[in-house]
Amino acid sequence: MNIIRRTLDIDADTDARLREMADERGQDVAAVLAEAVALLDSVIDIAGPDIGEDRRRLDAFKQTCAAVPLDEVKSWVSSWGSANELPCPAPRRMILLSPDASLLRFPCKQNLESGTATKQPAGQITTNLSSPAAKNIPLNSWRKSAF
């Protein structure tokens, strides 16, 4: 192996952990760093992100609005290895607050007053089509049209 001397500035906690890992393995710090870089290289694509894949996933999300809220993913991951391990959360339809999916998304509540409307001969509708108040999103007055 060709050895090259480098000087790195690291915080005291990282230095202590490197020395501890080296002592546990009976190696020097350079060997631990080499293993860490090899592991990092095996899990991260240094060539960069696959922008095409990101765009395909975003387009699919815009069409289906199916996603898993981050809090559910965090709960699921934190349960790994415990006696009460949670099942993988299932994607579900989300509400978008902007058409370009750039704003926050909130989960839809399922089965909210899902009555069907029937059209009467005079054009009257027998079912209330208003959204439940909890589902309504207030609009700021500056966005309202003066017309």
N, C-alpha and C. Protein backbone atom coordinates (compact mmCIF):
# COMPACT_ATOMS: atom_id res chain seq x y z
N MET A 1 0.84 -1.17 0.00
CA MET A 1 0.00 0.00 0.00
C MET A 1 0.89 1.23 0.00
N ASN A 2 0.55 2.19 -0.86
CA ASN A 2 1.29 3.44 -0.94
C ASN A 2 0.76 4.39 0.14
N ILE A 3 1.59 4.81 1.07
CA ILE A 3 1.19 5.65 2.19
C ILE A 3 1.43 7.12 1.84
N ILE A 4 0.41 7.94 2.07
CA ILE A 4 0.49 9.38 1.86
C ILE A 4 0.15 10.05 3.18
N ARG A 5 0.95 11.00 3.59
CA ARG A 5 0.70 11.69 4.86
C ARG A 5 -0.25 12.86 4.60
N ARG A 6 -1.34 12.92 5.40
CA ARG A 6 -2.32 14.00 5.33
C ARG A 6 -2.56 14.52 6.74
N THR A 7 -2.85 15.79 6.84
CA THR A 7 -3.20 16.37 8.13
C THR A 7 -4.67 16.73 8.08
N LEU A 8 -5.45 16.22 9.04
CA LEU A 8 -6.88 16.46 9.10
C LEU A 8 -7.22 17.19 10.39
N ASP A 9 -8.11 18.15 10.30
CA ASP A 9 -8.63 18.81 11.49
C ASP A 9 -9.97 18.17 11.84
N ILE A 10 -10.04 17.48 12.99
CA ILE A 10 -11.27 16.84 13.44
C ILE A 10 -11.55 17.26 14.88
N ASP A 11 -12.80 17.17 15.26
CA ASP A 11 -13.15 17.56 16.63
C ASP A 11 -12.67 16.48 17.61
N ALA A 12 -12.63 16.84 18.89
CA ALA A 12 -12.09 15.96 19.93
C ALA A 12 -12.92 14.68 20.07
N ASP A 13 -14.24 14.77 19.93
CA ASP A 13 -15.09 13.58 20.05
C ASP A 13 -14.80 12.58 18.94
N THR A 14 -14.64 13.08 17.71
CA THR A 14 -14.34 12.19 16.58
C THR A 14 -12.97 11.54 16.77
N ASP A 15 -12.00 12.32 17.23
CA ASP A 15 -10.67 11.78 17.47
C ASP A 15 -10.72 10.68 18.53
N ALA A 16 -11.46 10.93 19.61
CA ALA A 16 -11.58 9.93 20.68
C ALA A 16 -12.24 8.66 20.16
N ARG A 17 -13.28 8.82 19.34
CA ARG A 17 -13.98 7.65 18.79
C ARG A 17 -13.07 6.87 17.84
N LEU A 18 -12.31 7.57 17.01
CA LEU A 18 -11.37 6.90 16.10
C LEU A 18 -10.34 6.09 16.88
N ARG A 19 -9.78 6.69 17.92
CA ARG A 19 -8.79 5.98 18.73
C ARG A 19 -9.41 4.77 19.44
N GLU A 20 -10.64 4.95 19.92
CA GLU A 20 -11.35 3.85 20.59
C GLU A 20 -11.60 2.70 19.61
N MET A 21 -12.04 3.02 18.40
CA MET A 21 -12.30 1.99 17.40
C MET A 21 -11.00 1.28 17.01
N ALA A 22 -9.92 2.06 16.87
CA ALA A 22 -8.63 1.48 16.51
C ALA A 22 -8.16 0.52 17.60
N ASP A 23 -8.31 0.93 18.85
CA ASP A 23 -7.89 0.06 19.97
C ASP A 23 -8.73 -1.21 20.02
N GLU A 24 -10.04 -1.09 19.79
CA GLU A 24 -10.93 -2.26 19.80
C GLU A 24 -10.53 -3.27 18.73
N ARG A 25 -10.06 -2.77 17.58
CA ARG A 25 -9.73 -3.64 16.45
C ARG A 25 -8.25 -4.04 16.43
N GLY A 26 -7.45 -3.41 17.28
CA GLY A 26 -6.02 -3.68 17.26
C GLY A 26 -5.37 -3.11 16.01
N GLN A 27 -5.90 -2.00 15.50
CA GLN A 27 -5.38 -1.35 14.29
C GLN A 27 -4.96 0.07 14.64
N ASP A 28 -4.31 0.70 13.67
CA ASP A 28 -4.04 2.12 13.88
C ASP A 28 -5.19 2.94 13.29
N VAL A 29 -5.21 4.22 13.61
CA VAL A 29 -6.30 5.10 13.19
C VAL A 29 -6.41 5.15 11.66
N ALA A 30 -5.29 5.11 10.97
CA ALA A 30 -5.31 5.17 9.50
C ALA A 30 -6.07 3.98 8.91
N ALA A 31 -5.91 2.81 9.50
CA ALA A 31 -6.61 1.62 9.01
C ALA A 31 -8.12 1.75 9.24
N VAL A 32 -8.50 2.30 10.40
CA VAL A 32 -9.93 2.50 10.69
C VAL A 32 -10.52 3.50 9.70
N LEU A 33 -9.80 4.58 9.42
CA LEU A 33 -10.27 5.56 8.44
C LEU A 33 -10.39 4.94 7.04
N ALA A 34 -9.44 4.11 6.67
CA ALA A 34 -9.49 3.46 5.35
C ALA A 34 -10.72 2.57 5.25
N GLU A 35 -11.03 1.81 6.32
CA GLU A 35 -12.24 0.97 6.32
C GLU A 35 -13.50 1.81 6.24
N ALA A 36 -13.51 2.93 6.97
CA ALA A 36 -14.68 3.81 6.97
C ALA A 36 -14.92 4.40 5.58
N VAL A 37 -13.84 4.81 4.90
CA VAL A 37 -13.97 5.36 3.56
C VAL A 37 -14.46 4.28 2.59
N ALA A 38 -13.94 3.06 2.72
CA ALA A 38 -14.38 1.96 1.86
C ALA A 38 -15.86 1.66 2.08
N LEU A 39 -16.31 1.68 3.33
CA LEU A 39 -17.73 1.46 3.63
C LEU A 39 -18.58 2.57 3.05
N LEU A 40 -18.16 3.82 3.25
CA LEU A 40 -18.89 4.96 2.70
C LEU A 40 -18.98 4.86 1.19
N ASP A 41 -17.89 4.50 0.56
CA ASP A 41 -17.86 4.37 -0.89
C ASP A 41 -18.81 3.28 -1.39
N SER A 42 -19.03 2.25 -0.56
CA SER A 42 -19.90 1.15 -0.99
C SER A 42 -21.38 1.51 -0.88
N VAL A 43 -21.73 2.52 -0.08
CA VAL A 43 -23.14 2.85 0.10
C VAL A 43 -23.55 4.17 -0.54
N ILE A 44 -22.60 5.02 -0.91
CA ILE A 44 -22.92 6.31 -1.51
C ILE A 44 -22.33 6.37 -2.91
N ASP A 45 -23.17 6.78 -3.85
CA ASP A 45 -22.72 6.93 -5.23
C ASP A 45 -22.02 8.28 -5.36
N ILE A 46 -20.71 8.25 -5.40
CA ILE A 46 -19.93 9.48 -5.47
C ILE A 46 -20.18 10.22 -6.79
N ALA A 47 -20.59 9.50 -7.82
CA ALA A 47 -20.82 10.13 -9.12
C ALA A 47 -21.95 11.14 -9.05
N GLY A 48 -22.73 11.11 -8.01
CA GLY A 48 -23.80 12.09 -7.87
C GLY A 48 -25.16 11.43 -7.91
N PRO A 49 -26.17 12.22 -7.57
CA PRO A 49 -27.52 11.68 -7.54
C PRO A 49 -28.05 11.42 -8.95
N ASP A 50 -28.98 10.50 -9.03
CA ASP A 50 -29.63 10.19 -10.29
C ASP A 50 -30.82 11.14 -10.45
N ILE A 51 -30.57 12.27 -11.09
CA ILE A 51 -31.60 13.31 -11.23
C ILE A 51 -32.79 12.77 -12.02
N GLY A 52 -32.54 11.94 -13.02
CA GLY A 52 -33.64 11.36 -13.80
C GLY A 52 -34.58 10.54 -12.93
N GLU A 53 -34.00 9.74 -12.03
CA GLU A 53 -34.83 8.93 -11.13
C GLU A 53 -35.61 9.83 -10.18
N ASP A 54 -34.97 10.89 -9.69
CA ASP A 54 -35.67 11.83 -8.82
C ASP A 54 -36.86 12.46 -9.53
N ARG A 55 -36.66 12.85 -10.78
CA ARG A 55 -37.76 13.46 -11.55
C ARG A 55 -38.89 12.47 -11.80
N ARG A 56 -38.54 11.20 -12.11
CA ARG A 56 -39.58 10.17 -12.32
C ARG A 56 -40.38 9.97 -11.04
N ARG A 57 -39.72 9.92 -9.91
CA ARG A 57 -40.43 9.73 -8.64
C ARG A 57 -41.31 10.93 -8.31
N LEU A 58 -40.82 12.14 -8.58
CA LEU A 58 -41.63 13.34 -8.33
C LEU A 58 -42.85 13.35 -9.25
N ASP A 59 -42.66 13.00 -10.52
CA ASP A 59 -43.79 12.95 -11.45
C ASP A 59 -44.81 11.91 -11.01
N ALA A 60 -44.34 10.76 -10.55
CA ALA A 60 -45.26 9.72 -10.06
C ALA A 60 -46.01 10.22 -8.83
N PHE A 61 -45.31 10.94 -7.95
CA PHE A 61 -45.99 11.49 -6.77
C PHE A 61 -47.04 12.51 -7.17
N LYS A 62 -46.71 13.36 -8.12
CA LYS A 62 -47.68 14.38 -8.56
C LYS A 62 -48.94 13.73 -9.13
N GLN A 63 -48.79 12.56 -9.78
CA GLN A 63 -49.94 11.87 -10.36
C GLN A 63 -50.76 11.14 -9.31
N THR A 64 -50.10 10.49 -8.37
CA THR A 64 -50.82 9.65 -7.41
C THR A 64 -51.01 10.31 -6.05
N CYS A 65 -50.14 11.27 -5.72
CA CYS A 65 -50.13 11.91 -4.39
C CYS A 65 -49.98 10.87 -3.28
N ALA A 66 -49.37 9.73 -3.58
CA ALA A 66 -49.19 8.68 -2.59
C ALA A 66 -47.82 8.84 -1.94
N ALA A 67 -47.83 8.90 -0.61
CA ALA A 67 -46.59 9.05 0.14
C ALA A 67 -46.79 8.57 1.57
N VAL A 68 -45.70 8.50 2.31
CA VAL A 68 -45.75 8.13 3.72
C VAL A 68 -45.25 9.34 4.51
N PRO A 69 -46.02 9.84 5.49
CA PRO A 69 -45.55 10.97 6.29
C PRO A 69 -44.26 10.63 7.03
N LEU A 70 -43.38 11.62 7.13
CA LEU A 70 -42.06 11.42 7.73
C LEU A 70 -42.16 10.92 9.16
N ASP A 71 -43.11 11.42 9.94
CA ASP A 71 -43.24 10.97 11.33
C ASP A 71 -43.50 9.46 11.42
N GLU A 72 -44.28 8.94 10.47
CA GLU A 72 -44.56 7.50 10.46
C GLU A 72 -43.31 6.70 10.11
N VAL A 73 -42.52 7.23 9.18
CA VAL A 73 -41.27 6.55 8.81
C VAL A 73 -40.32 6.55 10.01
N LYS A 74 -40.22 7.69 10.71
CA LYS A 74 -39.34 7.77 11.88
C LYS A 74 -39.77 6.79 12.96
N SER A 75 -41.08 6.70 13.20
CA SER A 75 -41.58 5.75 14.21
C SER A 75 -41.27 4.32 13.81
N TRP A 76 -41.46 4.02 12.54
CA TRP A 76 -41.19 2.67 12.04
C TRP A 76 -39.71 2.32 12.21
N VAL A 77 -38.83 3.22 11.78
CA VAL A 77 -37.39 2.95 11.86
C VAL A 77 -36.94 2.84 13.32
N SER A 78 -37.47 3.69 14.18
CA SER A 78 -37.04 3.63 15.59
C SER A 78 -37.53 2.35 16.28
N SER A 79 -38.54 1.68 15.71
CA SER A 79 -39.04 0.44 16.31
C SER A 79 -38.24 -0.79 15.88
N TRP A 80 -37.35 -0.64 14.91
CA TRP A 80 -36.57 -1.78 14.42
C TRP A 80 -35.78 -2.42 15.57
N GLY A 81 -35.82 -3.73 15.63
CA GLY A 81 -35.07 -4.47 16.63
C GLY A 81 -35.71 -4.50 18.00
N SER A 82 -36.85 -3.82 18.18
CA SER A 82 -37.51 -3.83 19.48
C SER A 82 -38.54 -4.96 19.51
N ALA A 83 -39.07 -5.22 20.69
CA ALA A 83 -40.09 -6.26 20.83
C ALA A 83 -41.39 -5.84 20.14
N ASN A 84 -41.61 -4.55 19.99
CA ASN A 84 -42.83 -4.03 19.37
C ASN A 84 -42.53 -3.40 18.02
N GLU A 85 -41.82 -4.12 17.17
CA GLU A 85 -41.45 -3.58 15.86
C GLU A 85 -42.71 -3.32 15.03
N LEU A 86 -42.78 -2.13 14.46
CA LEU A 86 -43.94 -1.72 13.67
C LEU A 86 -43.83 -2.25 12.24
N PRO A 87 -44.97 -2.51 11.59
CA PRO A 87 -44.91 -2.90 10.17
C PRO A 87 -44.54 -1.69 9.32
N CYS A 88 -44.04 -1.94 8.14
CA CYS A 88 -43.69 -0.87 7.21
C CYS A 88 -44.94 -0.04 6.90
N PRO A 89 -44.87 1.29 7.06
CA PRO A 89 -46.06 2.10 6.78
C PRO A 89 -46.40 2.09 5.29
N ALA A 90 -47.68 2.06 5.00
CA ALA A 90 -48.13 2.03 3.61
C ALA A 90 -48.34 3.44 3.08
N PRO A 91 -47.94 3.69 1.84
CA PRO A 91 -48.20 5.00 1.24
C PRO A 91 -49.71 5.24 1.14
N ARG A 92 -50.09 6.48 1.27
CA ARG A 92 -51.50 6.85 1.10
C ARG A 92 -51.59 8.21 0.44
N ARG A 93 -52.76 8.52 -0.03
CA ARG A 93 -52.97 9.77 -0.75
C ARG A 93 -52.78 10.96 0.19
N MET A 94 -52.06 11.98 -0.30
CA MET A 94 -51.78 13.17 0.48
C MET A 94 -52.47 14.37 -0.16
N ILE A 95 -52.67 15.43 0.60
CA ILE A 95 -53.23 16.67 0.09
C ILE A 95 -52.07 17.60 -0.24
N LEU A 96 -52.05 18.16 -1.43
CA LEU A 96 -51.01 19.11 -1.81
C LEU A 96 -51.51 20.52 -1.57
N LEU A 97 -50.65 21.36 -1.04
CA LEU A 97 -51.01 22.75 -0.83
C LEU A 97 -50.58 23.64 -1.98
N SER A 98 -49.88 23.06 -2.95
CA SER A 98 -49.51 23.80 -4.15
C SER A 98 -49.44 22.81 -5.31
N PRO A 99 -49.79 23.27 -6.50
CA PRO A 99 -49.81 22.35 -7.65
C PRO A 99 -48.44 21.80 -8.02
N ASP A 100 -47.36 22.50 -7.68
CA ASP A 100 -46.04 22.01 -8.05
C ASP A 100 -45.41 21.15 -6.97
N ALA A 101 -46.17 20.80 -5.94
CA ALA A 101 -45.73 19.92 -4.85
C ALA A 101 -44.54 20.50 -4.10
N SER A 102 -44.42 21.84 -4.08
CA SER A 102 -43.29 22.44 -3.39
C SER A 102 -43.60 22.81 -1.96
N LEU A 103 -44.87 22.81 -1.58
CA LEU A 103 -45.24 23.17 -0.21
C LEU A 103 -45.54 21.92 0.60
N LEU A 104 -45.82 22.11 1.87
CA LEU A 104 -46.07 20.99 2.77
C LEU A 104 -47.24 20.14 2.31
N ARG A 105 -47.19 18.87 2.65
CA ARG A 105 -48.26 17.93 2.32
C ARG A 105 -48.81 17.37 3.63
N PHE A 106 -50.10 17.23 3.72
CA PHE A 106 -50.74 16.68 4.90
C PHE A 106 -51.54 15.46 4.51
N PRO A 107 -51.57 14.45 5.37
CA PRO A 107 -52.32 13.24 5.01
C PRO A 107 -53.81 13.51 4.92
N CYS A 108 -54.44 12.87 3.93
CA CYS A 108 -55.90 12.95 3.79
C CYS A 108 -56.54 12.11 4.88
N LYS A 109 -57.65 12.55 5.36
CA LYS A 109 -58.43 11.72 6.27
C LYS A 109 -59.32 10.86 5.40
N GLN A 110 -59.32 9.59 5.68
CA GLN A 110 -60.07 8.65 4.87
C GLN A 110 -61.54 8.63 5.27
N ASN A 111 -62.41 8.39 4.31
CA ASN A 111 -63.85 8.19 4.52
C ASN A 111 -64.52 9.35 5.25
N LEU A 112 -64.25 10.57 4.83
CA LEU A 112 -64.92 11.72 5.42
C LEU A 112 -66.25 11.94 4.71
N GLU A 113 -67.33 11.65 5.40
CA GLU A 113 -68.68 11.89 4.88
C GLU A 113 -68.76 11.59 3.38
N SER A 114 -68.52 10.38 3.02
CA SER A 114 -68.45 10.03 1.60
C SER A 114 -69.83 9.66 1.05
N GLY A 115 -70.78 10.57 1.19
CA GLY A 115 -72.09 10.35 0.59
C GLY A 115 -72.05 10.70 -0.88
N THR A 116 -72.86 10.05 -1.67
CA THR A 116 -72.89 10.34 -3.09
C THR A 116 -74.03 11.31 -3.38
N ALA A 117 -73.79 12.23 -4.27
CA ALA A 117 -74.82 13.19 -4.66
C ALA A 117 -75.66 12.60 -5.78
N THR A 118 -76.93 12.92 -5.77
CA THR A 118 -77.81 12.48 -6.85
C THR A 118 -78.39 13.71 -7.52
N LYS A 119 -78.40 13.71 -8.83
CA LYS A 119 -78.91 14.84 -9.59
C LYS A 119 -80.41 14.67 -9.78
N GLN A 120 -81.14 15.69 -9.41
CA GLN A 120 -82.59 15.69 -9.55
C GLN A 120 -82.97 16.26 -10.91
N PRO A 121 -84.18 15.98 -11.38
CA PRO A 121 -84.60 16.46 -12.70
C PRO A 121 -84.46 17.98 -12.86
N ALA A 122 -84.67 18.74 -11.80
CA ALA A 122 -84.60 20.20 -11.91
C ALA A 122 -83.16 20.69 -11.77
N GLY A 123 -82.19 19.79 -11.69
CA GLY A 123 -80.79 20.19 -11.55
C GLY A 123 -80.38 20.39 -10.11
N GLN A 124 -81.25 20.04 -9.17
CA GLN A 124 -80.91 20.20 -7.77
C GLN A 124 -80.12 18.99 -7.28
N ILE A 125 -79.24 19.22 -6.35
CA ILE A 125 -78.42 18.15 -5.77
C ILE A 125 -78.91 17.91 -4.36
N THR A 126 -79.11 16.65 -4.00
CA THR A 126 -79.69 16.32 -2.70
C THR A 126 -78.66 16.17 -1.59
N THR A 127 -77.38 16.04 -1.91
CA THR A 127 -76.35 15.84 -0.89
C THR A 127 -75.52 17.10 -0.75
N ASN A 128 -75.14 17.43 0.50
CA ASN A 128 -74.29 18.58 0.75
C ASN A 128 -72.89 18.27 0.22
N LEU A 129 -72.40 19.07 -0.70
CA LEU A 129 -71.09 18.82 -1.31
C LEU A 129 -69.97 19.59 -0.63
N SER A 130 -70.27 20.34 0.42
CA SER A 130 -69.24 21.11 1.13
C SER A 130 -68.27 20.16 1.82
N SER A 131 -67.02 20.56 1.86
CA SER A 131 -66.03 19.80 2.60
C SER A 131 -66.26 19.99 4.08
N PRO A 132 -65.90 19.02 4.90
CA PRO A 132 -65.97 19.24 6.35
C PRO A 132 -65.08 20.43 6.73
N ALA A 133 -65.45 21.16 7.76
CA ALA A 133 -64.71 22.36 8.16
C ALA A 133 -63.25 22.03 8.45
N ALA A 134 -62.97 20.86 8.99
CA ALA A 134 -61.59 20.50 9.33
C ALA A 134 -60.73 20.33 8.09
N LYS A 135 -61.37 20.11 6.93
CA LYS A 135 -60.63 19.90 5.70
C LYS A 135 -60.40 21.20 4.93
N ASN A 136 -61.17 22.24 5.23
CA ASN A 136 -61.04 23.50 4.52
C ASN A 136 -59.72 24.17 4.85
N ILE A 137 -59.12 24.78 3.85
CA ILE A 137 -57.86 25.48 4.02
C ILE A 137 -58.15 26.97 3.91
N PRO A 138 -57.86 27.76 4.96
CA PRO A 138 -58.15 29.19 4.89
C PRO A 138 -57.24 29.87 3.88
N LEU A 139 -57.78 30.83 3.16
CA LEU A 139 -57.01 31.59 2.19
C LEU A 139 -56.64 32.93 2.79
N ASN A 140 -55.43 33.38 2.52
CA ASN A 140 -55.02 34.71 2.97
C ASN A 140 -55.75 35.75 2.12
N SER A 141 -56.07 36.89 2.72
CA SER A 141 -56.83 37.90 2.00
C SER A 141 -56.05 38.48 0.84
N TRP A 142 -54.73 38.49 0.89
CA TRP A 142 -53.95 39.06 -0.20
C TRP A 142 -54.01 38.19 -1.45
N ARG A 143 -54.43 36.94 -1.35
CA ARG A 143 -54.54 36.07 -2.52
C ARG A 143 -55.91 36.16 -3.18
N LYS A 144 -56.87 36.77 -2.49
CA LYS A 144 -58.22 36.83 -3.03
C LYS A 144 -58.30 37.91 -4.10
N SER A 145 -59.07 37.64 -5.10
CA SER A 145 -59.26 38.59 -6.18
C SER A 145 -60.23 39.68 -5.75
N ALA A 146 -60.00 40.87 -6.21
CA ALA A 146 -60.91 41.98 -5.89
C ALA A 146 -62.18 41.90 -6.73
N PHE A 147 -62.22 41.06 -7.73
CA PHE A 147 -63.39 40.96 -8.62
C PHE A 147 -64.40 39.99 -8.13
